[in-house]
PDB file of N, CA and C in Angstrom:
ATOM      1  N   MET A   1      -9.616  10.914 -21.998  1.00  0.00           N
ATOM      2  CA  MET A   1      -9.081  11.686 -20.898  1.00  0.00           C
ATOM      3  C   MET A   1     -10.046  11.647 -19.705  1.00  0.00           C
ATOM      4  N   GLU A   2     -11.345  11.669 -19.983  1.00  0.00           N
ATOM      5  CA  GLU A   2     -12.327  11.623 -18.896  1.00  0.00           C
ATOM      6  C   GLU A   2     -12.251  10.299 -18.138  1.00  0.00           C
ATOM      7  N   LEU A   3     -12.087   9.222 -18.860  1.00  0.00           N
ATOM      8  CA  LEU A   3     -11.974   7.915 -18.228  1.00  0.00           C
ATOM      9  C   LEU A   3     -10.747   7.853 -17.331  1.00  0.00           C
ATOM     10  N   LEU A   4      -9.671   8.437 -17.787  1.00  0.00           N
ATOM     11  CA  LEU A   4      -8.446   8.479 -16.993  1.00  0.00           C
ATOM     12  C   LEU A   4      -8.668   9.242 -15.691  1.00  0.00           C
ATOM     13  N   SER A   5      -9.377  10.355 -15.766  1.00  0.00           N
ATOM     14  CA  SER A   5      -9.615  11.148 -14.555  1.00  0.00           C
ATOM     15  C   SER A   5     -10.405  10.364 -13.515  1.00  0.00           C
ATOM     16  N   VAL A   6     -11.260   9.468 -13.946  1.00  0.00           N
ATOM     17  CA  VAL A   6     -12.012   8.622 -13.015  1.00  0.00           C
ATOM     18  C   VAL A   6     -11.096   7.568 -12.398  1.00  0.00           C
ATOM     19  N   GLY A   7     -10.220   6.987 -13.194  1.00  0.00           N
ATOM     20  CA  GLY A   7      -9.327   5.933 -12.720  1.00  0.00           C
ATOM     21  C   GLY A   7      -8.236   6.412 -11.787  1.00  0.00           C
ATOM     22  N   VAL A   8      -7.913   7.686 -11.851  1.00  0.00           N
ATOM     23  CA  VAL A   8      -6.825   8.244 -11.047  1.00  0.00           C
ATOM     24  C   VAL A   8      -7.222   8.406  -9.581  1.00  0.00           C
ATOM     25  N   VAL A   9      -8.470   8.627  -9.323  1.00  0.00           N
ATOM     26  CA  VAL A   9      -8.954   9.030  -8.003  1.00  0.00           C
ATOM     27  C   VAL A   9      -8.466   8.140  -6.868  1.00  0.00           C
ATOM     28  N   ASN A  10      -8.543   6.852  -6.995  1.00  0.00           N
ATOM     29  CA  ASN A  10      -8.218   5.945  -5.892  1.00  0.00           C
ATOM     30  C   ASN A  10      -6.952   5.132  -6.123  1.00  0.00           C
ATOM     31  N   ASN A  11      -6.085   5.583  -7.004  1.00  0.00           N
ATOM     32  CA  ASN A  11      -4.881   4.823  -7.323  1.00  0.00           C
ATOM     33  C   ASN A  11      -3.629   5.675  -7.186  1.00  0.00           C
ATOM     34  N   TYR A  12      -2.519   5.001  -6.985  1.00  0.00           N
ATOM     35  CA  TYR A  12      -1.207   5.640  -6.960  1.00  0.00           C
ATOM     36  C   TYR A  12      -0.395   5.088  -8.122  1.00  0.00           C
ATOM     37  N   PHE A  13       0.583   5.867  -8.591  1.00  0.00           N
ATOM     38  CA  PHE A  13       1.328   5.503  -9.783  1.00  0.00           C
ATOM     39  C   PHE A  13       2.823   5.666  -9.574  1.00  0.00           C
ATOM     40  N   THR A  14       3.590   4.821 -10.239  1.00  0.00           N
ATOM     41  CA  THR A  14       5.037   5.019 -10.311  1.00  0.00           C
ATOM     42  C   THR A  14       5.308   5.945 -11.494  1.00  0.00           C
ATOM     43  N   CYS A  15       6.517   6.437 -11.572  1.00  0.00           N
ATOM     44  CA  CYS A  15       6.890   7.271 -12.723  1.00  0.00           C
ATOM     45  C   CYS A  15       6.815   6.473 -14.016  1.00  0.00           C
ATOM     46  N   LYS A  16       7.180   5.219 -13.950  1.00  0.00           N
ATOM     47  CA  LYS A  16       7.128   4.376 -15.148  1.00  0.00           C
ATOM     48  C   LYS A  16       5.681   4.215 -15.631  1.00  0.00           C
ATOM     49  N   GLN A  17       4.761   4.000 -14.704  1.00  0.00           N
ATOM     50  CA  GLN A  17       3.350   3.882 -15.072  1.00  0.00           C
ATOM     51  C   GLN A  17       2.820   5.200 -15.634  1.00  0.00           C
ATOM     52  N   THR A  18       3.225   6.296 -15.016  1.00  0.00           N
ATOM     53  CA  THR A  18       2.796   7.611 -15.490  1.00  0.00           C
ATOM     54  C   THR A  18       3.322   7.864 -16.894  1.00  0.00           C
ATOM     55  N   ALA A  19       4.578   7.532 -17.130  1.00  0.00           N
ATOM     56  CA  ALA A  19       5.168   7.705 -18.459  1.00  0.00           C
ATOM     57  C   ALA A  19       4.420   6.869 -19.490  1.00  0.00           C
ATOM     58  N   ARG A  20       4.034   5.687 -19.101  1.00  0.00           N
ATOM     59  CA  ARG A  20       3.287   4.824 -20.026  1.00  0.00           C
ATOM     60  C   ARG A  20       1.922   5.431 -20.360  1.00  0.00           C
ATOM     61  N   LEU A  21       1.244   5.954 -19.343  1.00  0.00           N
ATOM     62  CA  LEU A  21      -0.031   6.631 -19.591  1.00  0.00           C
ATOM     63  C   LEU A  21       0.163   7.830 -20.518  1.00  0.00           C
ATOM     64  N   MET A  22       1.210   8.591 -20.277  1.00  0.00           N
ATOM     65  CA  MET A  22       1.477   9.768 -21.099  1.00  0.00           C
ATOM     66  C   MET A  22       1.792   9.384 -22.536  1.00  0.00           C
ATOM     67  N   SER A  23       2.472   8.271 -22.727  1.00  0.00           N
ATOM     68  CA  SER A  23       2.887   7.870 -24.076  1.00  0.00           C
ATOM     69  C   SER A  23       1.713   7.428 -24.952  1.00  0.00           C
ATOM     70  N   ILE A  24       0.558   7.233 -24.359  1.00  0.00           N
ATOM     71  CA  ILE A  24      -0.640   6.917 -25.142  1.00  0.00           C
ATOM     72  C   ILE A  24      -1.008   8.095 -26.044  1.00  0.00           C
ATOM     73  N   PHE A  25      -0.668   9.289 -25.586  1.00  0.00           N
ATOM     74  CA  PHE A  25      -1.031  10.508 -26.304  1.00  0.00           C
ATOM     75  C   PHE A  25       0.123  10.986 -27.182  1.00  0.00           C
ATOM     76  N   THR A  26      -0.213  11.644 -28.273  1.00  0.00           N
ATOM     77  CA  THR A  26       0.781  12.090 -29.242  1.00  0.00           C
ATOM     78  C   THR A  26       1.402  13.425 -28.871  1.00  0.00           C
ATOM     79  N   TRP A  27       0.576  14.366 -28.482  1.00  0.00           N
ATOM     80  CA  TRP A  27       1.017  15.747 -28.284  1.00  0.00           C
ATOM     81  C   TRP A  27       1.418  16.016 -26.845  1.00  0.00           C
ATOM     82  N   ASP A  28       2.449  16.835 -26.698  1.00  0.00           N
ATOM     83  CA  ASP A  28       2.956  17.166 -25.364  1.00  0.00           C
ATOM     84  C   ASP A  28       1.899  17.823 -24.484  1.00  0.00           C
ATOM     85  N   ASP A  29       1.020  18.631 -25.066  1.00  0.00           N
ATOM     86  CA  ASP A  29      -0.029  19.268 -24.260  1.00  0.00           C
ATOM     87  C   ASP A  29      -0.933  18.224 -23.612  1.00  0.00           C
ATOM     88  N   GLU A  30      -1.266  17.182 -24.366  1.00  0.00           N
ATOM     89  CA  GLU A  30      -2.093  16.102 -23.821  1.00  0.00           C
ATOM     90  C   GLU A  30      -1.333  15.331 -22.743  1.00  0.00           C
ATOM     91  N   LYS A  31      -0.058  15.089 -22.998  1.00  0.00           N
ATOM     92  CA  LYS A  31       0.775  14.381 -22.025  1.00  0.00           C
ATOM     93  C   LYS A  31       0.870  15.171 -20.723  1.00  0.00           C
ATOM     94  N   MET A  32       0.973  16.492 -20.836  1.00  0.00           N
ATOM     95  CA  MET A  32       1.048  17.333 -19.643  1.00  0.00           C
ATOM     96  C   MET A  32      -0.262  17.303 -18.865  1.00  0.00           C
ATOM     97  N   LYS A  33      -1.387  17.191 -19.553  1.00  0.00           N
ATOM     98  CA  LYS A  33      -2.678  17.059 -18.863  1.00  0.00           C
ATOM     99  C   LYS A  33      -2.683  15.795 -18.015  1.00  0.00           C
ATOM    100  N   VAL A  34      -2.159  14.717 -18.577  1.00  0.00           N
ATOM    101  CA  VAL A  34      -2.071  13.462 -17.827  1.00  0.00           C
ATOM    102  C   VAL A  34      -1.182  13.650 -16.604  1.00  0.00           C
ATOM    103  N   LEU A  35      -0.030  14.263 -16.793  1.00  0.00           N
ATOM    104  CA  LEU A  35       0.890  14.473 -15.679  1.00  0.00           C
ATOM    105  C   LEU A  35       0.246  15.306 -14.583  1.00  0.00           C
ATOM    106  N   ARG A  36      -0.423  16.375 -14.963  1.00  0.00           N
ATOM    107  CA  ARG A  36      -1.092  17.210 -13.956  1.00  0.00           C
ATOM    108  C   ARG A  36      -2.166  16.420 -13.214  1.00  0.00           C
ATOM    109  N   MET A  37      -2.832  15.531 -13.937  1.00  0.00           N
ATOM    110  CA  MET A  37      -3.907  14.744 -13.348  1.00  0.00           C
ATOM    111  C   MET A  37      -3.383  13.772 -12.286  1.00  0.00           C
ATOM    112  N   VAL A  38      -2.221  13.186 -12.531  1.00  0.00           N
ATOM    113  CA  VAL A  38      -1.711  12.147 -11.626  1.00  0.00           C
ATOM    114  C   VAL A  38      -0.576  12.610 -10.722  1.00  0.00           C
ATOM    115  N   SER A  39      -0.118  13.832 -10.885  1.00  0.00           N
ATOM    116  CA  SER A  39       1.099  14.270 -10.179  1.00  0.00           C
ATOM    117  C   SER A  39       1.027  14.106  -8.662  1.00  0.00           C
ATOM    118  N   ASN A  40      -0.128  14.313  -8.077  1.00  0.00           N
ATOM    119  CA  ASN A  40      -0.262  14.144  -6.625  1.00  0.00           C
ATOM    120  C   ASN A  40      -0.322  12.683  -6.206  1.00  0.00           C
ATOM    121  N   ARG A  41      -0.376  11.792  -7.167  1.00  0.00           N
ATOM    122  CA  ARG A  41      -0.521  10.362  -6.879  1.00  0.00           C
ATOM    123  C   ARG A  41       0.740   9.576  -7.246  1.00  0.00           C
ATOM    124  N   ILE A  42       1.836  10.272  -7.571  1.00  0.00           N
ATOM    125  CA  ILE A  42       3.090   9.608  -7.955  1.00  0.00           C
ATOM    126  C   ILE A  42       3.889   9.276  -6.700  1.00  0.00           C
ATOM    127  N   VAL A  43       4.299   8.020  -6.578  1.00  0.00           N
ATOM    128  CA  VAL A  43       4.950   7.545  -5.350  1.00  0.00           C
ATOM    129  C   VAL A  43       6.474   7.564  -5.407  1.00  0.00           C
ATOM    130  N   ASP A  44       7.058   7.719  -6.577  1.00  0.00           N
ATOM    131  CA  ASP A  44       8.523   7.651  -6.698  1.00  0.00           C
ATOM    132  C   ASP A  44       9.069   8.785  -7.568  1.00  0.00           C
ATOM    133  N   ARG A  45       8.872   9.985  -7.126  1.00  0.00           N
ATOM    134  CA  ARG A  45       9.282  11.159  -7.906  1.00  0.00           C
ATOM    135  C   ARG A  45      10.774  11.169  -8.225  1.00  0.00           C
ATOM    136  N   GLU A  46      11.566  10.442  -7.452  1.00  0.00           N
ATOM    137  CA  GLU A  46      13.007  10.382  -7.732  1.00  0.00           C
ATOM    138  C   GLU A  46      13.297   9.743  -9.088  1.00  0.00           C
ATOM    139  N   ASN A  47      12.316   9.068  -9.658  1.00  0.00           N
ATOM    140  CA  ASN A  47      12.463   8.452 -10.981  1.00  0.00           C
ATOM    141  C   ASN A  47      11.798   9.290 -12.072  1.00  0.00           C
ATOM    142  N   GLY A  48      11.667  10.568 -11.829  1.00  0.00           N
ATOM    143  CA  GLY A  48      10.993  11.473 -12.754  1.00  0.00           C
ATOM    144  C   GLY A  48      11.577  11.515 -14.148  1.00  0.00           C
ATOM    145  N   LYS A  49      12.817  11.071 -14.287  1.00  0.00           N
ATOM    146  CA  LYS A  49      13.455  11.036 -15.608  1.00  0.00           C
ATOM    147  C   LYS A  49      12.608  10.231 -16.594  1.00  0.00           C
ATOM    148  N   GLU A  50      11.953   9.191 -16.109  1.00  0.00           N
ATOM    149  CA  GLU A  50      11.092   8.369 -16.970  1.00  0.00           C
ATOM    150  C   GLU A  50       9.981   9.215 -17.591  1.00  0.00           C
ATOM    151  N   ILE A  51       9.454  10.130 -16.816  1.00  0.00           N
ATOM    152  CA  ILE A  51       8.376  11.000 -17.287  1.00  0.00           C
ATOM    153  C   ILE A  51       8.918  12.053 -18.245  1.00  0.00           C
ATOM    154  N   ILE A  52      10.026  12.666 -17.875  1.00  0.00           N
ATOM    155  CA  ILE A  52      10.614  13.731 -18.687  1.00  0.00           C
ATOM    156  C   ILE A  52      10.931  13.222 -20.095  1.00  0.00           C
ATOM    157  N   LYS A  53      11.391  11.979 -20.198  1.00  0.00           N
ATOM    158  CA  LYS A  53      11.777  11.409 -21.496  1.00  0.00           C
ATOM    159  C   LYS A  53      10.607  11.284 -22.466  1.00  0.00           C
ATOM    160  N   THR A  54       9.374  11.295 -21.972  1.00  0.00           N
ATOM    161  CA  THR A  54       8.220  11.145 -22.865  1.00  0.00           C
ATOM    162  C   THR A  54       7.871  12.440 -23.589  1.00  0.00           C
ATOM    163  N   LEU A  55       8.459  13.553 -23.152  1.00  0.00           N
ATOM    164  CA  LEU A  55       8.113  14.862 -23.706  1.00  0.00           C
ATOM    165  C   LEU A  55       9.148  15.311 -24.736  1.00  0.00           C
ATOM    166  N   ASP A  56       8.683  15.863 -25.845  1.00  0.00           N
ATOM    167  CA  ASP A  56       9.577  16.329 -26.905  1.00  0.00           C
ATOM    168  C   ASP A  56      10.059  17.756 -26.664  1.00  0.00           C
ATOM    169  N   SER A  57       9.175  18.610 -26.223  1.00  0.00           N
ATOM    170  CA  SER A  57       9.486  20.028 -26.053  1.00  0.00           C
ATOM    171  C   SER A  57      10.319  20.271 -24.796  1.00  0.00           C
ATOM    172  N   LEU A  58      11.404  21.012 -24.952  1.00  0.00           N
ATOM    173  CA  LEU A  58      12.233  21.362 -23.791  1.00  0.00           C
ATOM    174  C   LEU A  58      11.449  22.204 -22.795  1.00  0.00           C
ATOM    175  N   PHE A  59      10.550  23.042 -23.301  1.00  0.00           N
ATOM    176  CA  PHE A  59       9.722  23.862 -22.416  1.00  0.00           C
ATOM    177  C   PHE A  59       8.789  22.986 -21.584  1.00  0.00           C
ATOM    178  N   LYS A  60       8.194  21.992 -22.216  1.00  0.00           N
ATOM    179  CA  LYS A  60       7.304  21.071 -21.492  1.00  0.00           C
ATOM    180  C   LYS A  60       8.102  20.219 -20.508  1.00  0.00           C
ATOM    181  N   GLN A  61       9.326  19.862 -20.877  1.00  0.00           N
ATOM    182  CA  GLN A  61      10.182  19.126 -19.950  1.00  0.00           C
ATOM    183  C   GLN A  61      10.446  19.957 -18.702  1.00  0.00           C
ATOM    184  N   ASP A  62      10.718  21.245 -18.892  1.00  0.00           N
ATOM    185  CA  ASP A  62      10.924  22.134 -17.742  1.00  0.00           C
ATOM    186  C   ASP A  62       9.661  22.242 -16.897  1.00  0.00           C
ATOM    187  N   ASP A  63       8.505  22.342 -17.561  1.00  0.00           N
ATOM    188  CA  ASP A  63       7.236  22.399 -16.828  1.00  0.00           C
ATOM    189  C   ASP A  63       7.023  21.128 -16.016  1.00  0.00           C
ATOM    190  N   ALA A  64       7.353  19.992 -16.612  1.00  0.00           N
ATOM    191  CA  ALA A  64       7.196  18.712 -15.917  1.00  0.00           C
ATOM    192  C   ALA A  64       8.120  18.638 -14.703  1.00  0.00           C
ATOM    193  N   ARG A  65       9.339  19.130 -14.850  1.00  0.00           N
ATOM    194  CA  ARG A  65      10.269  19.157 -13.710  1.00  0.00           C
ATOM    195  C   ARG A  65       9.693  19.982 -12.562  1.00  0.00           C
ATOM    196  N   LYS A  66       9.082  21.113 -12.899  1.00  0.00           N
ATOM    197  CA  LYS A  66       8.469  21.955 -11.869  1.00  0.00           C
ATOM    198  C   LYS A  66       7.326  21.224 -11.178  1.00  0.00           C
ATOM    199  N   ILE A  67       6.486  20.570 -11.950  1.00  0.00           N
ATOM    200  CA  ILE A  67       5.358  19.824 -11.384  1.00  0.00           C
ATOM    201  C   ILE A  67       5.858  18.728 -10.449  1.00  0.00           C
ATOM    202  N   LEU A  68       6.941  18.067 -10.848  1.00  0.00           N
ATOM    203  CA  LEU A  68       7.484  16.962 -10.056  1.00  0.00           C
ATOM    204  C   LEU A  68       8.399  17.434  -8.926  1.00  0.00           C
ATOM    205  N   GLY A  69       8.733  18.712  -8.928  1.00  0.00           N
ATOM    206  CA  GLY A  69       9.627  19.239  -7.899  1.00  0.00           C
ATOM    207  C   GLY A  69      11.071  18.841  -8.106  1.00  0.00           C
ATOM    208  N   ILE A  70      11.459  18.653  -9.357  1.00  0.00           N
ATOM    209  CA  ILE A  70      12.826  18.257  -9.695  1.00  0.00           C
ATOM    210  C   ILE A  70      13.636  19.518  -9.963  1.00  0.00           C
ATOM    211  N   THR A  71      14.746  19.656  -9.271  1.00  0.00           N
ATOM    212  CA  THR A  71      15.548  20.870  -9.424  1.00  0.00           C
ATOM    213  C   THR A  71      16.729  20.693 -10.366  1.00  0.00           C
ATOM    214  N   ASN A  72      17.189  19.464 -10.574  1.00  0.00           N
ATOM    215  CA  ASN A  72      18.321  19.264 -11.490  1.00  0.00           C
ATOM    216  C   ASN A  72      17.826  18.704 -12.816  1.00  0.00           C
ATOM    217  N   GLN A  73      18.676  18.774 -13.835  1.00  0.00           N
ATOM    218  CA  GLN A  73      18.282  18.292 -15.160  1.00  0.00           C
ATOM    219  C   GLN A  73      19.040  17.037 -15.561  1.00  0.00           C
ATOM    220  N   TRP A  74      19.644  16.356 -14.640  1.00  0.00           N
ATOM    221  CA  TRP A  74      20.437  15.149 -14.859  1.00  0.00           C
ATOM    222  C   TRP A  74      21.615  15.481 -15.704  1.00  0.00           C
TER     223      TRP A  74
END
């Protein structure tokens, strides 16, 4: 996780790339840490569905929607 925080600083990410980073981790709490770390660096929030699909918990999915500023649930 520390290495990821260093790599995020000067880079931007698509939702697909963010989802891939999140999928490295098993637990939703870890995945949410990744999302919080990169959320300000995501360039295509309209594709947030890619990120939401990586989370198992409906509560975490709702949290991710809030972080991404998504108001609908598809």
